[in-house]
Amino acid sequence: MEAWHAHPLLRNVPLSLTHGPRLNEGGYHIVIPYLSDDPSFQPSVLNRRGKQWWIRPRRIALSYFFGSVNRNMKDFRRHRQLFMEEVRTNWTFSPYLGQLPYVVESLGSHKLHSKNGLGYFNSIYRQSLFCPVLPGDAPPQKRFFDVIIMGCIPVVLDFETDFASQSKTSWHSPGGFPIELSYPFAKHSNSIDPENEIDYESFVVQVKEVGAMRKTLEDILQNQTEIQRLQLNLMKNAQYFLYGMGDDSHLHEDAFVKILQSLQYYSQKTHLR
């Protein structure tokens, strides 16, 4: 088993925090979101956004930024190359997805290497309805949380897994770590009290293969009720992927609150043994 974010010396400590997945090989792991100190990624910024910000009309149907691709990639990452081949082969007949344009750009673009590269990313994400988050080396990716904060609905590949889990679903690889072991405070993870769990499937679009993505999204684009349902569930959960720092510390419910809830749940379970 590959231990992405767990140093061998830490894998069996009684309790630790990790970006995922949970290994729990003699120890106990709590999966947490990635940390961003970007001022625009503070809970107070999110809390100033009202409902209308989340459900407002968007100018872009889909945005995806990709790095260099090659045929020697690990199997996990090759889905990114397959998606690019799909776009080049089957999407170029139209610059639109539904009635809106889509943006698929290389990270080598001059726009992304300018001083305002991060601002360009965030601007495009904020204007987009859907943002594919395709498998990387590890199950959870920082991009997954970034697009959520920008109000963009994540689109993931849905693989079956034999792991003992409620979902029987991995967003990383066939037979890979399930949602419950890969994402922070996830529903059915048994890592936090059920009333405080996050139901990721309530705001994520899942597709079986990259070739099915366009049709799936075109169908959703015709259903404004479904789009708003996904967006409002983003609004409900986005704050739990942020860490309040400085003046934002302890002002809002955020990832720190979820970590404390997870620690309390762990303590209660340990006490009952």
C-alpha atoms as a PDB file:
ATOM      1  CA  MET A   1       0.000   0.000   0.000  1.00  0.00           C
ATOM      2  CA  GLU A   2       1.347   3.425  -0.914  1.00  0.00           C
ATOM      3  CA  ALA A   3       1.436   5.948   1.916  1.00  0.00           C
ATOM      4  CA  TRP A   4       1.234   9.285   0.143  1.00  0.00           C
ATOM      5  CA  HIS A   5       1.286  11.803   2.953  1.00  0.00           C
ATOM      6  CA  ALA A   6       2.278   9.620   5.911  1.00  0.00           C
ATOM      7  CA  HIS A   7       5.971   9.334   6.774  1.00  0.00           C
ATOM      8  CA  PRO A   8       6.833   5.741   7.820  1.00  0.00           C
ATOM      9  CA  LEU A   9       7.754   6.972  11.304  1.00  0.00           C
ATOM     10  CA  LEU A  10       4.324   8.547  11.727  1.00  0.00           C
ATOM     11  CA  ARG A  11       2.092   5.818  10.341  1.00  0.00           C
ATOM     12  CA  ASN A  12       1.651   4.040  13.667  1.00  0.00           C
ATOM     13  CA  VAL A  13       1.471   6.973  16.062  1.00  0.00           C
ATOM     14  CA  PRO A  14      -1.718   6.904  18.161  1.00  0.00           C
ATOM     15  CA  LEU A  15      -3.236   9.983  16.509  1.00  0.00           C
ATOM     16  CA  SER A  16      -2.263  12.172  13.550  1.00  0.00           C
ATOM     17  CA  LEU A  17      -3.635  14.611  10.986  1.00  0.00           C
ATOM     18  CA  THR A  18      -3.175  13.896   7.281  1.00  0.00           C
ATOM     19  CA  HIS A  19      -4.191  15.264   3.901  1.00  0.00           C
ATOM     20  CA  GLY A  20      -5.328  11.751   3.115  1.00  0.00           C
ATOM     21  CA  PRO A  21      -5.923   8.997   2.636  1.00  0.00           C
ATOM     22  CA  ARG A  22      -6.553   7.524   6.073  1.00  0.00           C
ATOM     23  CA  LEU A  23      -4.317   4.491   6.534  1.00  0.00           C
ATOM     24  CA  ASN A  24      -5.002   3.672  10.210  1.00  0.00           C
ATOM     25  CA  GLU A  25      -2.355   0.960  10.274  1.00  0.00           C
ATOM     26  CA  GLY A  26      -1.978   0.789  14.029  1.00  0.00           C
ATOM     27  CA  GLY A  27      -2.621   4.511  14.442  1.00  0.00           C
ATOM     28  CA  TYR A  28      -5.578   6.808  13.832  1.00  0.00           C
ATOM     29  CA  HIS A  29      -5.662   9.417  11.075  1.00  0.00           C
ATOM     30  CA  ILE A  30      -7.951  12.406  10.726  1.00  0.00           C
ATOM     31  CA  VAL A  31      -8.105  13.710   7.146  1.00  0.00           C
ATOM     32  CA  ILE A  32      -7.961  17.499   6.920  1.00  0.00           C
ATOM     33  CA  PRO A  33      -8.150  20.030   4.053  1.00  0.00           C
ATOM     34  CA  TYR A  34      -5.068  21.632   2.536  1.00  0.00           C
ATOM     35  CA  LEU A  35      -4.018  24.911   4.144  1.00  0.00           C
ATOM     36  CA  SER A  36      -4.061  28.147   2.146  1.00  0.00           C
ATOM     37  CA  ASP A  37      -2.898  31.462   3.573  1.00  0.00           C
ATOM     38  CA  ASP A  38      -4.304  33.403   0.614  1.00  0.00           C
ATOM     39  CA  PRO A  39      -6.353  36.294   2.121  1.00  0.00           C
ATOM     40  CA  SER A  40      -9.176  35.526  -0.324  1.00  0.00           C
ATOM     41  CA  PHE A  41      -9.395  32.037   1.210  1.00  0.00           C
ATOM     42  CA  GLN A  42     -10.446  33.240   4.664  1.00  0.00           C
ATOM     43  CA  PRO A  43     -13.826  32.312   6.214  1.00  0.00           C
ATOM     44  CA  SER A  44     -14.871  35.967   6.589  1.00  0.00           C
ATOM     45  CA  VAL A  45     -14.586  36.401   2.805  1.00  0.00           C
ATOM     46  CA  LEU A  46     -16.870  33.422   2.291  1.00  0.00           C
ATOM     47  CA  ASN A  47     -19.327  34.621   4.888  1.00  0.00           C
ATOM     48  CA  ARG A  48     -19.749  37.937   3.075  1.00  0.00           C
ATOM     49  CA  ARG A  49     -21.052  36.044   0.056  1.00  0.00           C
ATOM     50  CA  GLY A  50     -24.788  35.644   0.134  1.00  0.00           C
ATOM     51  CA  LYS A  51     -26.929  33.014  -1.526  1.00  0.00           C
ATOM     52  CA  GLN A  52     -27.132  35.054  -4.722  1.00  0.00           C
ATOM     53  CA  TRP A  53     -23.339  34.942  -5.131  1.00  0.00           C
ATOM     54  CA  TRP A  54     -23.410  31.142  -5.215  1.00  0.00           C
ATOM     55  CA  ILE A  55     -26.327  30.767  -7.636  1.00  0.00           C
ATOM     56  CA  ARG A  56     -25.531  33.752  -9.863  1.00  0.00           C
ATOM     57  CA  PRO A  57     -25.303  33.167 -13.651  1.00  0.00           C
ATOM     58  CA  ARG A  58     -21.864  32.131 -14.903  1.00  0.00           C
ATOM     59  CA  ARG A  59     -20.120  33.097 -18.151  1.00  0.00           C
ATOM     60  CA  ILE A  60     -18.149  29.837 -18.569  1.00  0.00           C
ATOM     61  CA  ALA A  61     -19.516  26.285 -18.610  1.00  0.00           C
ATOM     62  CA  LEU A  62     -16.283  24.487 -17.677  1.00  0.00           C
ATOM     63  CA  SER A  63     -12.691  25.399 -16.895  1.00  0.00           C
ATOM     64  CA  TYR A  64      -9.687  23.122 -16.661  1.00  0.00           C
ATOM     65  CA  PHE A  65      -5.977  23.959 -16.443  1.00  0.00           C
ATOM     66  CA  PHE A  66      -3.430  21.248 -17.163  1.00  0.00           C
ATOM     67  CA  GLY A  67       0.301  20.797 -16.789  1.00  0.00           C
ATOM     68  CA  SER A  68       2.674  18.847 -19.006  1.00  0.00           C
ATOM     69  CA  VAL A  69       1.420  15.423 -20.032  1.00  0.00           C
ATOM     70  CA  ASN A  70       3.332  12.411 -21.296  1.00  0.00           C
ATOM     71  CA  ARG A  71       2.715   8.720 -21.841  1.00  0.00           C
ATOM     72  CA  ASN A  72       5.018   7.758 -18.969  1.00  0.00           C
ATOM     73  CA  MET A  73       2.719   9.241 -16.360  1.00  0.00           C
ATOM     74  CA  LYS A  74       1.588   7.119 -13.441  1.00  0.00           C
ATOM     75  CA  ASP A  75      -1.729   5.430 -14.150  1.00  0.00           C
ATOM     76  CA  PHE A  76      -3.454   7.815 -11.733  1.00  0.00           C
ATOM     77  CA  ARG A  77      -2.435  10.887 -13.733  1.00  0.00           C
ATOM     78  CA  ARG A  78      -2.991   9.438 -17.195  1.00  0.00           C
ATOM     79  CA  HIS A  79      -6.697  10.274 -16.939  1.00  0.00           C
ATOM     80  CA  ARG A  80      -5.646  13.893 -17.386  1.00  0.00           C
ATOM     81  CA  GLN A  81      -4.032  12.989 -20.696  1.00  0.00           C
ATOM     82  CA  LEU A  82      -7.099  10.980 -21.706  1.00  0.00           C
ATOM     83  CA  PHE A  83      -9.274  14.006 -20.998  1.00  0.00           C
ATOM     84  CA  MET A  84      -7.079  16.243 -23.142  1.00  0.00           C
ATOM     85  CA  GLU A  85      -7.239  13.710 -25.979  1.00  0.00           C
ATOM     86  CA  GLU A  86     -11.018  13.593 -25.577  1.00  0.00           C
ATOM     87  CA  VAL A  87     -11.283  17.385 -25.791  1.00  0.00           C
ATOM     88  CA  ARG A  88      -9.003  17.586 -28.850  1.00  0.00           C
ATOM     89  CA  THR A  89     -10.830  14.757 -30.604  1.00  0.00           C
ATOM     90  CA  ASN A  90     -14.482  15.208 -29.710  1.00  0.00           C
ATOM     91  CA  TRP A  91     -14.993  18.722 -28.364  1.00  0.00           C
ATOM     92  CA  THR A  92     -13.451  20.932 -31.017  1.00  0.00           C
ATOM     93  CA  PHE A  93     -16.535  20.836 -33.242  1.00  0.00           C
ATOM     94  CA  SER A  94     -17.899  23.605 -31.009  1.00  0.00           C
ATOM     95  CA  PRO A  95     -16.317  26.173 -28.651  1.00  0.00           C
ATOM     96  CA  TYR A  96     -19.380  25.812 -26.441  1.00  0.00           C
ATOM     97  CA  LEU A  97     -20.637  23.394 -23.829  1.00  0.00           C
ATOM     98  CA  GLY A  98     -24.384  23.838 -23.817  1.00  0.00           C
ATOM     99  CA  GLN A  99     -24.817  27.544 -24.498  1.00  0.00           C
ATOM    100  CA  LEU A 100     -21.630  28.665 -22.747  1.00  0.00           C
ATOM    101  CA  PRO A 101     -17.942  28.643 -23.769  1.00  0.00           C
ATOM    102  CA  TYR A 102     -15.467  26.388 -21.987  1.00  0.00           C
ATOM    103  CA  VAL A 103     -11.835  27.064 -21.035  1.00  0.00           C
ATOM    104  CA  VAL A 104      -9.160  24.348 -21.279  1.00  0.00           C
ATOM    105  CA  GLU A 105      -5.674  25.839 -21.002  1.00  0.00           C
ATOM    106  CA  SER A 106      -2.095  24.737 -20.455  1.00  0.00           C
ATOM    107  CA  LEU A 107      -0.330  25.858 -17.296  1.00  0.00           C
ATOM    108  CA  GLY A 108       2.413  27.009 -19.649  1.00  0.00           C
ATOM    109  CA  SER A 109       0.171  29.810 -20.891  1.00  0.00           C
ATOM    110  CA  HIS A 110       1.733  33.258 -20.565  1.00  0.00           C
ATOM    111  CA  LYS A 111      -1.357  34.331 -18.600  1.00  0.00           C
ATOM    112  CA  LEU A 112      -0.598  31.781 -15.888  1.00  0.00           C
ATOM    113  CA  HIS A 113       3.086  32.704 -15.623  1.00  0.00           C
ATOM    114  CA  SER A 114       2.397  36.405 -15.253  1.00  0.00           C
ATOM    115  CA  LYS A 115       2.551  38.163 -11.887  1.00  0.00           C
ATOM    116  CA  ASN A 116      -1.212  37.797 -11.657  1.00  0.00           C
ATOM    117  CA  GLY A 117      -1.283  34.098 -12.554  1.00  0.00           C
ATOM    118  CA  LEU A 118      -3.134  33.078  -9.382  1.00  0.00           C
ATOM    119  CA  GLY A 119      -5.598  35.902  -9.865  1.00  0.00           C
ATOM    120  CA  TYR A 120      -6.280  34.647 -13.387  1.00  0.00           C
ATOM    121  CA  PHE A 121      -6.962  31.134 -12.085  1.00  0.00           C
ATOM    122  CA  ASN A 122      -9.368  32.373  -9.450  1.00  0.00           C
ATOM    123  CA  SER A 123     -11.109  34.722 -11.841  1.00  0.00           C
ATOM    124  CA  ILE A 124     -11.816  31.922 -14.328  1.00  0.00           C
ATOM    125  CA  TYR A 125     -12.930  29.514 -11.591  1.00  0.00           C
ATOM    126  CA  ARG A 126     -15.325  32.123 -10.182  1.00  0.00           C
ATOM    127  CA  GLN A 127     -16.918  32.547 -13.605  1.00  0.00           C
ATOM    128  CA  SER A 128     -17.263  28.784 -14.246  1.00  0.00           C
ATOM    129  CA  LEU A 129     -20.039  26.340 -13.486  1.00  0.00           C
ATOM    130  CA  PHE A 130     -17.978  23.127 -13.613  1.00  0.00           C
ATOM    131  CA  CYS A 131     -14.324  22.374 -12.865  1.00  0.00           C
ATOM    132  CA  PRO A 132     -12.936  18.871 -13.573  1.00  0.00           C
ATOM    133  CA  VAL A 133     -10.650  17.563 -10.839  1.00  0.00           C
ATOM    134  CA  LEU A 134      -9.002  14.532 -12.410  1.00  0.00           C
ATOM    135  CA  PRO A 135      -6.849  11.991 -10.516  1.00  0.00           C
ATOM    136  CA  GLY A 136      -3.383  12.973  -9.381  1.00  0.00           C
ATOM    137  CA  ASP A 137      -0.732  11.099  -7.430  1.00  0.00           C
ATOM    138  CA  ALA A 138      -2.812  11.153  -4.230  1.00  0.00           C
ATOM    139  CA  PRO A 139      -6.579  10.768  -3.780  1.00  0.00           C
ATOM    140  CA  PRO A 140      -7.353  14.274  -2.454  1.00  0.00           C
ATOM    141  CA  GLN A 141      -6.018  17.295  -4.346  1.00  0.00           C
ATOM    142  CA  LYS A 142      -5.700  20.937  -3.356  1.00  0.00           C
ATOM    143  CA  ARG A 143      -7.412  21.878  -6.624  1.00  0.00           C
ATOM    144  CA  PHE A 144     -10.572  20.103  -5.417  1.00  0.00           C
ATOM    145  CA  PHE A 145     -10.900  22.513  -2.488  1.00  0.00           C
ATOM    146  CA  ASP A 146      -9.750  25.584  -4.442  1.00  0.00           C
ATOM    147  CA  VAL A 147     -12.507  25.298  -7.049  1.00  0.00           C
ATOM    148  CA  ILE A 148     -15.132  24.811  -4.342  1.00  0.00           C
ATOM    149  CA  ILE A 149     -14.057  28.032  -2.607  1.00  0.00           C
ATOM    150  CA  MET A 150     -14.385  29.810  -5.956  1.00  0.00           C
ATOM    151  CA  GLY A 151     -17.957  28.500  -6.315  1.00  0.00           C
ATOM    152  CA  CYS A 152     -17.198  26.025  -9.106  1.00  0.00           C
ATOM    153  CA  ILE A 153     -18.813  22.567  -9.006  1.00  0.00           C
ATOM    154  CA  PRO A 154     -16.138  19.819  -8.986  1.00  0.00           C
ATOM    155  CA  VAL A 155     -16.392  17.080 -11.619  1.00  0.00           C
ATOM    156  CA  VAL A 156     -14.662  13.801 -10.759  1.00  0.00           C
ATOM    157  CA  LEU A 157     -14.210  10.330 -12.217  1.00  0.00           C
ATOM    158  CA  ASP A 158     -16.184   7.643 -10.409  1.00  0.00           C
ATOM    159  CA  PHE A 159     -14.401   4.293  -9.973  1.00  0.00           C
ATOM    160  CA  GLU A 160     -15.597   1.164  -8.226  1.00  0.00           C
ATOM    161  CA  THR A 161     -13.520  -0.045  -5.290  1.00  0.00           C
ATOM    162  CA  ASP A 162     -13.379  -3.218  -3.228  1.00  0.00           C
ATOM    163  CA  PHE A 163     -12.455  -1.329  -0.057  1.00  0.00           C
ATOM    164  CA  ALA A 164     -14.868  -1.935   2.797  1.00  0.00           C
ATOM    165  CA  SER A 165     -16.875   1.274   2.560  1.00  0.00           C
ATOM    166  CA  GLN A 166     -20.427   2.548   2.331  1.00  0.00           C
ATOM    167  CA  SER A 167     -19.929   4.330  -0.979  1.00  0.00           C
ATOM    168  CA  LYS A 168     -17.968   1.585  -2.797  1.00  0.00           C
ATOM    169  CA  THR A 169     -16.633   4.538  -4.787  1.00  0.00           C
ATOM    170  CA  SER A 170     -13.150   5.939  -5.340  1.00  0.00           C
ATOM    171  CA  TRP A 171     -12.497   9.265  -7.071  1.00  0.00           C
ATOM    172  CA  HIS A 172      -8.858   8.327  -7.555  1.00  0.00           C
ATOM    173  CA  SER A 173      -8.448   4.949  -9.259  1.00  0.00           C
ATOM    174  CA  PRO A 174     -10.157   1.595  -9.899  1.00  0.00           C
ATOM    175  CA  GLY A 175      -9.999  -0.314  -6.611  1.00  0.00           C
ATOM    176  CA  GLY A 176      -8.528   2.780  -4.926  1.00  0.00           C
ATOM    177  CA  PHE A 177      -9.181   4.463  -1.628  1.00  0.00           C
ATOM    178  CA  PRO A 178     -12.896   5.261  -1.215  1.00  0.00           C
ATOM    179  CA  ILE A 179     -14.352   8.700  -0.594  1.00  0.00           C
ATOM    180  CA  GLU A 180     -14.695   7.952   3.125  1.00  0.00           C
ATOM    181  CA  LEU A 181     -10.936   7.446   3.579  1.00  0.00           C
ATOM    182  CA  SER A 182      -9.806  10.186   1.201  1.00  0.00           C
ATOM    183  CA  TYR A 183     -11.707  13.378   2.002  1.00  0.00           C
ATOM    184  CA  PRO A 184     -11.980  15.424   5.215  1.00  0.00           C
ATOM    185  CA  PHE A 185     -14.834  14.685   7.609  1.00  0.00           C
ATOM    186  CA  ALA A 186     -16.634  12.606   4.979  1.00  0.00           C
ATOM    187  CA  LYS A 187     -20.016  10.968   5.368  1.00  0.00           C
ATOM    188  CA  HIS A 188     -19.722   7.378   6.656  1.00  0.00           C
ATOM    189  CA  SER A 189     -16.032   7.912   7.483  1.00  0.00           C
ATOM    190  CA  ASN A 190     -16.541   7.117  11.163  1.00  0.00           C
ATOM    191  CA  SER A 191     -14.059   9.912  11.887  1.00  0.00           C
ATOM    192  CA  ILE A 192     -16.534  12.536  13.122  1.00  0.00           C
ATOM    193  CA  ASP A 193     -19.986  12.524  14.656  1.00  0.00           C
ATOM    194  CA  PRO A 194     -22.513  11.699  11.869  1.00  0.00           C
ATOM    195  CA  GLU A 195     -24.359  14.984  12.414  1.00  0.00           C
ATOM    196  CA  ASN A 196     -21.144  16.858  11.534  1.00  0.00           C
ATOM    197  CA  GLU A 197     -20.169  14.812   8.457  1.00  0.00           C
ATOM    198  CA  ILE A 198     -19.824  16.309   4.975  1.00  0.00           C
ATOM    199  CA  ASP A 199     -21.815  14.706   2.168  1.00  0.00           C
ATOM    200  CA  TYR A 200     -19.486  15.260  -0.784  1.00  0.00           C
ATOM    201  CA  GLU A 201     -21.795  13.554  -3.238  1.00  0.00           C
ATOM    202  CA  SER A 202     -24.332  16.333  -2.618  1.00  0.00           C
ATOM    203  CA  PHE A 203     -22.192  18.902  -4.467  1.00  0.00           C
ATOM    204  CA  VAL A 204     -19.891  16.880  -6.752  1.00  0.00           C
ATOM    205  CA  VAL A 205     -20.679  15.646 -10.275  1.00  0.00           C
ATOM    206  CA  GLN A 206     -19.456  12.092 -10.881  1.00  0.00           C
ATOM    207  CA  VAL A 207     -18.809  10.581 -14.310  1.00  0.00           C
ATOM    208  CA  LYS A 208     -17.706   7.046 -15.167  1.00  0.00           C
ATOM    209  CA  GLU A 209     -15.146   8.035 -17.807  1.00  0.00           C
ATOM    210  CA  VAL A 210     -13.797  11.146 -19.502  1.00  0.00           C
ATOM    211  CA  GLY A 211     -15.736  10.279 -22.660  1.00  0.00           C
ATOM    212  CA  ALA A 212     -18.997  10.654 -20.734  1.00  0.00           C
ATOM    213  CA  MET A 213     -18.203  14.076 -19.279  1.00  0.00           C
ATOM    214  CA  ARG A 214     -19.531  16.288 -22.057  1.00  0.00           C
ATOM    215  CA  LYS A 215     -22.918  14.528 -22.303  1.00  0.00           C
ATOM    216  CA  THR A 216     -23.305  14.431 -18.509  1.00  0.00           C
ATOM    217  CA  LEU A 217     -22.622  18.146 -18.148  1.00  0.00           C
ATOM    218  CA  GLU A 218     -24.799  19.111 -21.110  1.00  0.00           C
ATOM    219  CA  ASP A 219     -27.688  17.258 -19.461  1.00  0.00           C
ATOM    220  CA  ILE A 220     -27.141  19.068 -16.160  1.00  0.00           C
ATOM    221  CA  LEU A 221     -26.894  22.424 -17.935  1.00  0.00           C
ATOM    222  CA  GLN A 222     -30.491  21.927 -19.052  1.00  0.00           C
ATOM    223  CA  ASN A 223     -31.632  21.515 -15.454  1.00  0.00           C
ATOM    224  CA  GLN A 224     -31.291  24.780 -13.561  1.00  0.00           C
ATOM    225  CA  THR A 225     -32.876  23.259 -10.457  1.00  0.00           C
ATOM    226  CA  GLU A 226     -30.109  20.645 -10.266  1.00  0.00           C
ATOM    227  CA  ILE A 227     -27.411  23.268 -10.816  1.00  0.00           C
ATOM    228  CA  GLN A 228     -28.754  25.373  -7.965  1.00  0.00           C
ATOM    229  CA  ARG A 229     -28.998  22.329  -5.703  1.00  0.00           C
ATOM    230  CA  LEU A 230     -25.300  21.621  -6.280  1.00  0.00           C
ATOM    231  CA  GLN A 231     -24.348  25.278  -5.800  1.00  0.00           C
ATOM    232  CA  LEU A 232     -26.296  25.641  -2.547  1.00  0.00           C
ATOM    233  CA  ASN A 233     -24.631  22.513  -1.170  1.00  0.00           C
ATOM    234  CA  LEU A 234     -21.274  24.068  -2.101  1.00  0.00           C
ATOM    235  CA  MET A 235     -22.290  27.148  -0.129  1.00  0.00           C
ATOM    236  CA  LYS A 236     -23.291  24.992   2.852  1.00  0.00           C
ATOM    237  CA  ASN A 237     -19.932  23.184   3.065  1.00  0.00           C
ATOM    238  CA  ALA A 238     -17.246  25.461   1.578  1.00  0.00           C
ATOM    239  CA  GLN A 239     -16.350  27.124   4.891  1.00  0.00           C
ATOM    240  CA  TYR A 240     -15.163  23.795   6.304  1.00  0.00           C
ATOM    241  CA  PHE A 241     -12.285  23.719   3.807  1.00  0.00           C
ATOM    242  CA  LEU A 242     -10.826  27.004   5.079  1.00  0.00           C
ATOM    243  CA  TYR A 243      -8.715  27.854   8.113  1.00  0.00           C
ATOM    244  CA  GLY A 244      -9.426  31.146   9.870  1.00  0.00           C
ATOM    245  CA  MET A 245      -6.104  32.844  10.612  1.00  0.00           C
ATOM    246  CA  GLY A 246      -5.082  36.179  12.133  1.00  0.00           C
ATOM    247  CA  ASP A 247      -8.143  38.370  12.574  1.00  0.00           C
ATOM    248  CA  ASP A 248     -10.282  35.525  11.241  1.00  0.00           C
ATOM    249  CA  SER A 249      -9.261  33.099  14.003  1.00  0.00           C
ATOM    250  CA  HIS A 250     -12.190  31.622  15.926  1.00  0.00           C
ATOM    251  CA  LEU A 251     -14.743  33.898  14.249  1.00  0.00           C
ATOM    252  CA  HIS A 252     -16.483  31.365  12.028  1.00  0.00           C
ATOM    253  CA  GLU A 253     -17.037  27.644  11.772  1.00  0.00           C
ATOM    254  CA  ASP A 254     -14.168  26.401   9.654  1.00  0.00           C
ATOM    255  CA  ALA A 255     -11.761  23.474   9.228  1.00  0.00           C
ATOM    256  CA  PHE A 256     -10.400  24.030  12.741  1.00  0.00           C
ATOM    257  CA  VAL A 257     -13.890  23.488  14.156  1.00  0.00           C
ATOM    258  CA  LYS A 258     -14.240  20.250  12.178  1.00  0.00           C
ATOM    259  CA  ILE A 259     -10.853  19.051  13.444  1.00  0.00           C
ATOM    260  CA  LEU A 260     -11.924  19.705  17.033  1.00  0.00           C
ATOM    261  CA  GLN A 261     -15.182  17.842  16.408  1.00  0.00           C
ATOM    262  CA  SER A 262     -13.169  14.929  15.001  1.00  0.00           C
ATOM    263  CA  LEU A 263     -10.870  14.927  18.029  1.00  0.00           C
ATOM    264  CA  GLN A 264     -13.862  14.953  20.340  1.00  0.00           C
ATOM    265  CA  TYR A 265     -15.375  12.023  18.438  1.00  0.00           C
ATOM    266  CA  TYR A 266     -12.058  10.131  18.647  1.00  0.00           C
ATOM    267  CA  SER A 267     -11.844  10.836  22.376  1.00  0.00           C
ATOM    268  CA  GLN A 268     -15.377   9.562  22.955  1.00  0.00           C
ATOM    269  CA  LYS A 269     -14.702   6.386  20.976  1.00  0.00           C
ATOM    270  CA  THR A 270     -11.452   5.784  22.861  1.00  0.00           C
ATOM    271  CA  HIS A 271     -13.153   6.359  26.203  1.00  0.00           C
ATOM    272  CA  LEU A 272     -15.853   3.803  25.376  1.00  0.00           C
ATOM    273  CA  ARG A 273     -13.363   1.045  24.609  1.00  0.00           C
END
